[in-house]
Amino acid sequence: MNICTCTCKTDKHTHPCNIHVKRQLQFLRWVFTVCLHGVTADKSKVTTESHDVTADIGDVTEDSRVVTADGRYVTTDFHDVTAGGLS
């Protein structure tokens, strides 16, 4: 595995190249911050409308789930995060 880091948009901290989940109770539901880094052949990115989740299509999270090819969902152990799609 290559040594790489990513910077989460919310806390600006640099983390190892893996999934970083921050859970926060807001409006009676869990809000997730995911920091994922990787490289795909076409370097396509997935970003939610709120820019809380950024990932490469095809990245595998720690729970072995995969960012879907249509670029609309990033799945964690806790929740499915619907992304805004690619423009």
PDB file of N, CA and C in Angstrom:
ATOM      1  N   MET A   1       0.845  -1.197   0.000  1.00  0.00           N
ATOM      2  CA  MET A   1       0.000   0.000   0.000  1.00  0.00           C
ATOM      3  C   MET A   1       0.877   1.243   0.000  1.00  0.00           C
ATOM      4  N   ASN A   2       0.545   2.186  -0.852  1.00  0.00           N
ATOM      5  CA  ASN A   2       1.301   3.428  -0.907  1.00  0.00           C
ATOM      6  C   ASN A   2       1.045   4.260   0.339  1.00  0.00           C
ATOM      7  N   ILE A   3       2.052   4.996   0.741  1.00  0.00           N
ATOM      8  CA  ILE A   3       1.895   5.909   1.869  1.00  0.00           C
ATOM      9  C   ILE A   3       1.324   7.216   1.333  1.00  0.00           C
ATOM     10  N   CYS A   4       0.180   7.594   1.833  1.00  0.00           N
ATOM     11  CA  CYS A   4      -0.434   8.839   1.372  1.00  0.00           C
ATOM     12  C   CYS A   4      -1.294   9.396   2.489  1.00  0.00           C
ATOM     13  N   THR A   5      -1.667  10.645   2.363  1.00  0.00           N
ATOM     14  CA  THR A   5      -2.499  11.284   3.371  1.00  0.00           C
ATOM     15  C   THR A   5      -3.623  12.041   2.702  1.00  0.00           C
ATOM     16  N   CYS A   6      -4.608  12.403   3.478  1.00  0.00           N
ATOM     17  CA  CYS A   6      -5.684  13.241   2.967  1.00  0.00           C
ATOM     18  C   CYS A   6      -6.040  14.251   4.045  1.00  0.00           C
ATOM     19  N   THR A   7      -6.607  15.350   3.642  1.00  0.00           N
ATOM     20  CA  THR A   7      -6.981  16.401   4.582  1.00  0.00           C
ATOM     21  C   THR A   7      -8.492  16.541   4.600  1.00  0.00           C
ATOM     22  N   CYS A   8      -9.083  16.376   5.765  1.00  0.00           N
ATOM     23  CA  CYS A   8     -10.530  16.510   5.880  1.00  0.00           C
ATOM     24  C   CYS A   8     -10.916  17.976   5.762  1.00  0.00           C
ATOM     25  N   LYS A   9     -11.997  18.234   5.033  1.00  0.00           N
ATOM     26  CA  LYS A   9     -12.420  19.605   4.798  1.00  0.00           C
ATOM     27  C   LYS A   9     -12.911  20.281   6.079  1.00  0.00           C
ATOM     28  N   THR A  10     -13.443  19.482   7.010  1.00  0.00           N
ATOM     29  CA  THR A  10     -14.064  20.084   8.183  1.00  0.00           C
ATOM     30  C   THR A  10     -13.056  20.448   9.262  1.00  0.00           C
ATOM     31  N   ASP A  11     -12.164  19.517   9.610  1.00  0.00           N
ATOM     32  CA  ASP A  11     -11.243  19.799  10.715  1.00  0.00           C
ATOM     33  C   ASP A  11      -9.848  20.181  10.235  1.00  0.00           C
ATOM     34  N   LYS A  12      -9.598  20.096   8.922  1.00  0.00           N
ATOM     35  CA  LYS A  12      -8.329  20.521   8.314  1.00  0.00           C
ATOM     36  C   LYS A  12      -7.137  19.695   8.790  1.00  0.00           C
ATOM     37  N   HIS A  13      -7.396  18.572   9.447  1.00  0.00           N
ATOM     38  CA  HIS A  13      -6.306  17.724   9.905  1.00  0.00           C
ATOM     39  C   HIS A  13      -5.931  16.724   8.817  1.00  0.00           C
ATOM     40  N   THR A  14      -4.681  16.318   8.819  1.00  0.00           N
ATOM     41  CA  THR A  14      -4.214  15.324   7.860  1.00  0.00           C
ATOM     42  C   THR A  14      -4.252  13.949   8.515  1.00  0.00           C
ATOM     43  N   HIS A  15      -4.800  12.976   7.793  1.00  0.00           N
ATOM     44  CA  HIS A  15      -4.954  11.628   8.313  1.00  0.00           C
ATOM     45  C   HIS A  15      -4.286  10.630   7.384  1.00  0.00           C
ATOM     46  N   PRO A  16      -3.996   9.427   7.878  1.00  0.00           N
ATOM     47  CA  PRO A  16      -3.491   8.381   6.989  1.00  0.00           C
ATOM     48  C   PRO A  16      -4.504   8.089   5.886  1.00  0.00           C
ATOM     49  N   CYS A  17      -4.053   7.404   4.865  1.00  0.00           N
ATOM     50  CA  CYS A  17      -4.888   7.133   3.705  1.00  0.00           C
ATOM     51  C   CYS A  17      -5.920   6.057   4.048  1.00  0.00           C
ATOM     52  N   ASN A  18      -6.969   6.452   4.703  1.00  0.00           N
ATOM     53  CA  ASN A  18      -8.051   5.533   5.049  1.00  0.00           C
ATOM     54  C   ASN A  18      -9.307   6.345   5.297  1.00  0.00           C
ATOM     55  N   ILE A  19     -10.339   5.655   5.738  1.00  0.00           N
ATOM     56  CA  ILE A  19     -11.592   6.369   5.986  1.00  0.00           C
ATOM     57  C   ILE A  19     -11.548   6.987   7.376  1.00  0.00           C
ATOM     58  N   HIS A  20     -12.013   8.203   7.473  1.00  0.00           N
ATOM     59  CA  HIS A  20     -12.043   8.912   8.757  1.00  0.00           C
ATOM     60  C   HIS A  20     -13.473   9.379   8.965  1.00  0.00           C
ATOM     61  N   VAL A  21     -14.115   8.832   9.955  1.00  0.00           N
ATOM     62  CA  VAL A  21     -15.525   9.135  10.172  1.00  0.00           C
ATOM     63  C   VAL A  21     -15.699   9.893  11.478  1.00  0.00           C
ATOM     64  N   LYS A  22     -16.343  11.018  11.386  1.00  0.00           N
ATOM     65  CA  LYS A  22     -16.643  11.818  12.572  1.00  0.00           C
ATOM     66  C   LYS A  22     -18.157  11.874  12.703  1.00  0.00           C
ATOM     67  N   ARG A  23     -18.660  11.366  13.812  1.00  0.00           N
ATOM     68  CA  ARG A  23     -20.097  11.340  14.002  1.00  0.00           C
ATOM     69  C   ARG A  23     -20.541  12.522  14.852  1.00  0.00           C
ATOM     70  N   GLN A  24     -21.605  13.108  14.469  1.00  0.00           N
ATOM     71  CA  GLN A  24     -22.096  14.295  15.164  1.00  0.00           C
ATOM     72  C   GLN A  24     -23.616  14.282  15.126  1.00  0.00           C
ATOM     73  N   LEU A  25     -24.229  14.457  16.280  1.00  0.00           N
ATOM     74  CA  LEU A  25     -25.679  14.475  16.339  1.00  0.00           C
ATOM     75  C   LEU A  25     -26.174  15.868  15.976  1.00  0.00           C
ATOM     76  N   GLN A  26     -26.968  15.936  14.919  1.00  0.00           N
ATOM     77  CA  GLN A  26     -27.436  17.236  14.451  1.00  0.00           C
ATOM     78  C   GLN A  26     -28.840  17.055  13.876  1.00  0.00           C
ATOM     79  N   PHE A  27     -29.783  17.816  14.374  1.00  0.00           N
ATOM     80  CA  PHE A  27     -31.162  17.733  13.918  1.00  0.00           C
ATOM     81  C   PHE A  27     -31.704  16.306  14.020  1.00  0.00           C
ATOM     82  N   LEU A  28     -31.383  15.643  15.133  1.00  0.00           N
ATOM     83  CA  LEU A  28     -31.873  14.298  15.449  1.00  0.00           C
ATOM     84  C   LEU A  28     -31.454  13.239  14.443  1.00  0.00           C
ATOM     85  N   ARG A  29     -30.349  13.452  13.748  1.00  0.00           N
ATOM     86  CA  ARG A  29     -29.831  12.424  12.863  1.00  0.00           C
ATOM     87  C   ARG A  29     -28.313  12.521  12.845  1.00  0.00           C
ATOM     88  N   TRP A  30     -27.677  11.402  12.483  1.00  0.00           N
ATOM     89  CA  TRP A  30     -26.220  11.384  12.444  1.00  0.00           C
ATOM     90  C   TRP A  30     -25.723  12.081  11.190  1.00  0.00           C
ATOM     91  N   VAL A  31     -24.714  12.918  11.354  1.00  0.00           N
ATOM     92  CA  VAL A  31     -24.069  13.571  10.228  1.00  0.00           C
ATOM     93  C   VAL A  31     -22.646  13.033  10.169  1.00  0.00           C
ATOM     94  N   PHE A  32     -22.222  12.635   8.985  1.00  0.00           N
ATOM     95  CA  PHE A  32     -20.931  11.985   8.856  1.00  0.00           C
ATOM     96  C   PHE A  32     -19.941  12.815   8.065  1.00  0.00           C
ATOM     97  N   THR A  33     -18.720  12.829   8.548  1.00  0.00           N
ATOM     98  CA  THR A  33     -17.627  13.436   7.812  1.00  0.00           C
ATOM     99  C   THR A  33     -16.677  12.315   7.416  1.00  0.00           C
ATOM    100  N   VAL A  34     -16.492  12.125   6.139  1.00  0.00           N
ATOM    101  CA  VAL A  34     -15.644  11.038   5.650  1.00  0.00           C
ATOM    102  C   VAL A  34     -14.475  11.628   4.885  1.00  0.00           C
ATOM    103  N   CYS A  35     -13.280  11.203   5.238  1.00  0.00           N
ATOM    104  CA  CYS A  35     -12.096  11.646   4.522  1.00  0.00           C
ATOM    105  C   CYS A  35     -11.488  10.426   3.845  1.00  0.00           C
ATOM    106  N   LEU A  36     -11.519  10.374   2.525  1.00  0.00           N
ATOM    107  CA  LEU A  36     -11.004   9.241   1.760  1.00  0.00           C
ATOM    108  C   LEU A  36     -10.064   9.758   0.677  1.00  0.00           C
ATOM    109  N   HIS A  37      -8.993   9.037   0.453  1.00  0.00           N
ATOM    110  CA  HIS A  37      -8.063   9.438  -0.602  1.00  0.00           C
ATOM    111  C   HIS A  37      -7.664   8.220  -1.408  1.00  0.00           C
ATOM    112  N   GLY A  38      -7.574   8.368  -2.703  1.00  0.00           N
ATOM    113  CA  GLY A  38      -7.141   7.285  -3.576  1.00  0.00           C
ATOM    114  C   GLY A  38      -7.071   7.798  -5.000  1.00  0.00           C
ATOM    115  N   VAL A  39      -6.624   6.953  -5.908  1.00  0.00           N
ATOM    116  CA  VAL A  39      -6.505   7.354  -7.301  1.00  0.00           C
ATOM    117  C   VAL A  39      -7.217   6.339  -8.176  1.00  0.00           C
ATOM    118  N   THR A  40      -8.087   6.810  -9.053  1.00  0.00           N
ATOM    119  CA  THR A  40      -8.727   5.944 -10.026  1.00  0.00           C
ATOM    120  C   THR A  40      -8.179   6.282 -11.405  1.00  0.00           C
ATOM    121  N   ALA A  41      -8.448   5.424 -12.374  1.00  0.00           N
ATOM    122  CA  ALA A  41      -7.895   5.623 -13.710  1.00  0.00           C
ATOM    123  C   ALA A  41      -8.304   6.960 -14.302  1.00  0.00           C
ATOM    124  N   ASP A  42      -9.578   7.334 -14.120  1.00  0.00           N
ATOM    125  CA  ASP A  42     -10.035   8.599 -14.688  1.00  0.00           C
ATOM    126  C   ASP A  42     -10.019   9.735 -13.678  1.00  0.00           C
ATOM    127  N   LYS A  43      -9.541   9.434 -12.461  1.00  0.00           N
ATOM    128  CA  LYS A  43      -9.431  10.429 -11.395  1.00  0.00           C
ATOM    129  C   LYS A  43     -10.765  11.125 -11.116  1.00  0.00           C
ATOM    130  N   SER A  44     -11.869  10.387 -11.300  1.00  0.00           N
ATOM    131  CA  SER A  44     -13.188  10.942 -11.002  1.00  0.00           C
ATOM    132  C   SER A  44     -13.352  11.080  -9.499  1.00  0.00           C
ATOM    133  N   LYS A  45     -14.064  12.113  -9.099  1.00  0.00           N
ATOM    134  CA  LYS A  45     -14.284  12.379  -7.690  1.00  0.00           C
ATOM    135  C   LYS A  45     -15.767  12.343  -7.394  1.00  0.00           C
ATOM    136  N   VAL A  46     -16.103  12.043  -6.139  1.00  0.00           N
ATOM    137  CA  VAL A  46     -17.469  12.120  -5.668  1.00  0.00           C
ATOM    138  C   VAL A  46     -17.488  13.104  -4.514  1.00  0.00           C
ATOM    139  N   THR A  47     -18.347  14.110  -4.596  1.00  0.00           N
ATOM    140  CA  THR A  47     -18.453  15.098  -3.534  1.00  0.00           C
ATOM    141  C   THR A  47     -19.917  15.357  -3.242  1.00  0.00           C
ATOM    142  N   THR A  48     -20.288  15.375  -1.972  1.00  0.00           N
ATOM    143  CA  THR A  48     -21.672  15.663  -1.631  1.00  0.00           C
ATOM    144  C   THR A  48     -21.956  17.141  -1.817  1.00  0.00           C
ATOM    145  N   GLU A  49     -23.239  17.479  -1.835  1.00  0.00           N
ATOM    146  CA  GLU A  49     -23.624  18.871  -2.011  1.00  0.00           C
ATOM    147  C   GLU A  49     -23.059  19.746  -0.903  1.00  0.00           C
ATOM    148  N   SER A  50     -22.943  19.167   0.302  1.00  0.00           N
ATOM    149  CA  SER A  50     -22.421  19.936   1.429  1.00  0.00           C
ATOM    150  C   SER A  50     -20.898  19.837   1.525  1.00  0.00           C
ATOM    151  N   HIS A  51     -20.292  19.087   0.611  1.00  0.00           N
ATOM    152  CA  HIS A  51     -18.840  18.932   0.557  1.00  0.00           C
ATOM    153  C   HIS A  51     -18.271  18.269   1.811  1.00  0.00           C
ATOM    154  N   ASP A  52     -19.118  17.481   2.508  1.00  0.00           N
ATOM    155  CA  ASP A  52     -18.616  16.750   3.671  1.00  0.00           C
ATOM    156  C   ASP A  52     -17.889  15.473   3.261  1.00  0.00           C
ATOM    157  N   VAL A  53     -18.234  14.932   2.107  1.00  0.00           N
ATOM    158  CA  VAL A  53     -17.651  13.665   1.686  1.00  0.00           C
ATOM    159  C   VAL A  53     -16.972  13.834   0.339  1.00  0.00           C
ATOM    160  N   THR A  54     -15.699  13.499   0.288  1.00  0.00           N
ATOM    161  CA  THR A  54     -14.970  13.508  -0.972  1.00  0.00           C
ATOM    162  C   THR A  54     -14.273  12.170  -1.115  1.00  0.00           C
ATOM    163  N   ALA A  55     -14.488  11.503  -2.240  1.00  0.00           N
ATOM    164  CA  ALA A  55     -13.877  10.191  -2.441  1.00  0.00           C
ATOM    165  C   ALA A  55     -13.691   9.936  -3.915  1.00  0.00           C
ATOM    166  N   ASP A  56     -12.781   9.026  -4.223  1.00  0.00           N
ATOM    167  CA  ASP A  56     -12.619   8.591  -5.594  1.00  0.00           C
ATOM    168  C   ASP A  56     -13.565   7.442  -5.862  1.00  0.00           C
ATOM    169  N   ILE A  57     -14.199   7.444  -7.039  1.00  0.00           N
ATOM    170  CA  ILE A  57     -15.027   6.316  -7.431  1.00  0.00           C
ATOM    171  C   ILE A  57     -14.168   5.062  -7.432  1.00  0.00           C
ATOM    172  N   GLY A  58     -14.661   4.005  -6.827  1.00  0.00           N
ATOM    173  CA  GLY A  58     -13.919   2.751  -6.753  1.00  0.00           C
ATOM    174  C   GLY A  58     -13.105   2.596  -5.486  1.00  0.00           C
ATOM    175  N   ASP A  59     -12.990   3.643  -4.668  1.00  0.00           N
ATOM    176  CA  ASP A  59     -12.303   3.502  -3.389  1.00  0.00           C
ATOM    177  C   ASP A  59     -13.023   2.479  -2.523  1.00  0.00           C
ATOM    178  N   VAL A  60     -12.272   1.739  -1.760  1.00  0.00           N
ATOM    179  CA  VAL A  60     -12.851   0.772  -0.828  1.00  0.00           C
ATOM    180  C   VAL A  60     -12.684   1.316   0.581  1.00  0.00           C
ATOM    181  N   THR A  61     -13.794   1.405   1.329  1.00  0.00           N
ATOM    182  CA  THR A  61     -13.734   1.908   2.691  1.00  0.00           C
ATOM    183  C   THR A  61     -13.231   0.812   3.625  1.00  0.00           C
ATOM    184  N   GLU A  62     -12.994   1.174   4.890  1.00  0.00           N
ATOM    185  CA  GLU A  62     -12.467   0.215   5.853  1.00  0.00           C
ATOM    186  C   GLU A  62     -13.376  -0.995   6.036  1.00  0.00           C
ATOM    187  N   ASP A  63     -14.686  -0.803   5.851  1.00  0.00           N
ATOM    188  CA  ASP A  63     -15.605  -1.933   5.999  1.00  0.00           C
ATOM    189  C   ASP A  63     -15.789  -2.681   4.676  1.00  0.00           C
ATOM    190  N   SER A  64     -14.882  -2.437   3.720  1.00  0.00           N
ATOM    191  CA  SER A  64     -14.837  -3.153   2.446  1.00  0.00           C
ATOM    192  C   SER A  64     -15.987  -2.833   1.513  1.00  0.00           C
ATOM    193  N   ARG A  65     -16.696  -1.739   1.765  1.00  0.00           N
ATOM    194  CA  ARG A  65     -17.722  -1.306   0.829  1.00  0.00           C
ATOM    195  C   ARG A  65     -17.089  -0.364  -0.190  1.00  0.00           C
ATOM    196  N   VAL A  66     -17.700  -0.269  -1.344  1.00  0.00           N
ATOM    197  CA  VAL A  66     -17.092   0.443  -2.459  1.00  0.00           C
ATOM    198  C   VAL A  66     -17.932   1.656  -2.846  1.00  0.00           C
ATOM    199  N   VAL A  67     -17.258   2.747  -3.158  1.00  0.00           N
ATOM    200  CA  VAL A  67     -17.945   3.912  -3.699  1.00  0.00           C
ATOM    201  C   VAL A  67     -18.496   3.501  -5.064  1.00  0.00           C
ATOM    202  N   THR A  68     -19.788   3.734  -5.291  1.00  0.00           N
ATOM    203  CA  THR A  68     -20.425   3.206  -6.490  1.00  0.00           C
ATOM    204  C   THR A  68     -19.960   3.910  -7.752  1.00  0.00           C
ATOM    205  N   ALA A  69     -20.054   3.195  -8.869  1.00  0.00           N
ATOM    206  CA  ALA A  69     -19.546   3.705 -10.137  1.00  0.00           C
ATOM    207  C   ALA A  69     -20.337   4.903 -10.638  1.00  0.00           C
ATOM    208  N   ASP A  70     -21.619   5.008 -10.256  1.00  0.00           N
ATOM    209  CA  ASP A  70     -22.400   6.150 -10.743  1.00  0.00           C
ATOM    210  C   ASP A  70     -22.106   7.429  -9.974  1.00  0.00           C
ATOM    211  N   GLY A  71     -21.272   7.324  -8.949  1.00  0.00           N
ATOM    212  CA  GLY A  71     -20.818   8.515  -8.244  1.00  0.00           C
ATOM    213  C   GLY A  71     -21.868   9.156  -7.370  1.00  0.00           C
ATOM    214  N   ARG A  72     -22.904   8.413  -6.972  1.00  0.00           N
ATOM    215  CA  ARG A  72     -23.970   9.034  -6.215  1.00  0.00           C
ATOM    216  C   ARG A  72     -24.028   8.598  -4.751  1.00  0.00           C
ATOM    217  N   TYR A  73     -23.333   7.541  -4.387  1.00  0.00           N
ATOM    218  CA  TYR A  73     -23.405   7.080  -3.009  1.00  0.00           C
ATOM    219  C   TYR A  73     -22.022   6.745  -2.471  1.00  0.00           C
ATOM    220  N   VAL A  74     -21.810   7.135  -1.212  1.00  0.00           N
ATOM    221  CA  VAL A  74     -20.657   6.692  -0.454  1.00  0.00           C
ATOM    222  C   VAL A  74     -21.225   5.993   0.766  1.00  0.00           C
ATOM    223  N   THR A  75     -20.846   4.752   0.984  1.00  0.00           N
ATOM    224  CA  THR A  75     -21.444   3.974   2.064  1.00  0.00           C
ATOM    225  C   THR A  75     -20.448   3.780   3.196  1.00  0.00           C
ATOM    226  N   THR A  76     -20.913   4.010   4.439  1.00  0.00           N
ATOM    227  CA  THR A  76     -20.125   3.690   5.611  1.00  0.00           C
ATOM    228  C   THR A  76     -20.881   2.644   6.419  1.00  0.00           C
ATOM    229  N   ASP A  77     -20.305   2.223   7.524  1.00  0.00           N
ATOM    230  CA  ASP A  77     -20.990   1.267   8.397  1.00  0.00           C
ATOM    231  C   ASP A  77     -22.299   1.834   8.927  1.00  0.00           C
ATOM    232  N   PHE A  78     -22.384   3.165   9.009  1.00  0.00           N
ATOM    233  CA  PHE A  78     -23.482   3.771   9.749  1.00  0.00           C
ATOM    234  C   PHE A  78     -24.604   4.290   8.869  1.00  0.00           C
ATOM    235  N   HIS A  79     -24.305   4.700   7.659  1.00  0.00           N
ATOM    236  CA  HIS A  79     -25.289   5.479   6.916  1.00  0.00           C
ATOM    237  C   HIS A  79     -24.929   5.522   5.440  1.00  0.00           C
ATOM    238  N   ASP A  80     -25.928   5.654   4.582  1.00  0.00           N
ATOM    239  CA  ASP A  80     -25.692   5.922   3.167  1.00  0.00           C
ATOM    240  C   ASP A  80     -25.765   7.428   2.965  1.00  0.00           C
ATOM    241  N   VAL A  81     -24.720   7.999   2.430  1.00  0.00           N
ATOM    242  CA  VAL A  81     -24.672   9.434   2.194  1.00  0.00           C
ATOM    243  C   VAL A  81     -24.964   9.685   0.725  1.00  0.00           C
ATOM    244  N   THR A  82     -26.016  10.419   0.433  1.00  0.00           N
ATOM    245  CA  THR A  82     -26.373  10.704  -0.947  1.00  0.00           C
ATOM    246  C   THR A  82     -25.587  11.903  -1.440  1.00  0.00           C
ATOM    247  N   ALA A  83     -24.874  11.714  -2.517  1.00  0.00           N
ATOM    248  CA  ALA A  83     -24.033  12.781  -3.051  1.00  0.00           C
ATOM    249  C   ALA A  83     -24.786  13.579  -4.087  1.00  0.00           C
ATOM    250  N   GLY A  84     -24.265  14.741  -4.381  1.00  0.00           N
ATOM    251  CA  GLY A  84     -24.908  15.620  -5.347  1.00  0.00           C
ATOM    252  C   GLY A  84     -24.679  15.191  -6.786  1.00  0.00           C
ATOM    253  N   GLY A  85     -23.803  14.232  -7.001  1.00  0.00           N
ATOM    254  CA  GLY A  85     -23.508  13.778  -8.354  1.00  0.00           C
ATOM    255  C   GLY A  85     -22.434  14.643  -8.993  1.00  0.00           C
ATOM    256  N   LEU A  86     -22.013  14.230 -10.157  1.00  0.00           N
ATOM    257  CA  LEU A  86     -20.958  14.944 -10.856  1.00  0.00           C
ATOM    258  C   LEU A  86     -21.568  15.906 -11.859  1.00  0.00           C
ATOM    259  N   SER A  87     -20.990  17.083 -11.961  1.00  0.00           N
ATOM    260  CA  SER A  87     -21.522  18.065 -12.906  1.00  0.00           C
ATOM    261  C   SER A  87     -20.626  18.146 -14.130  1.00  0.00           C
TER     262      SER A  87
END
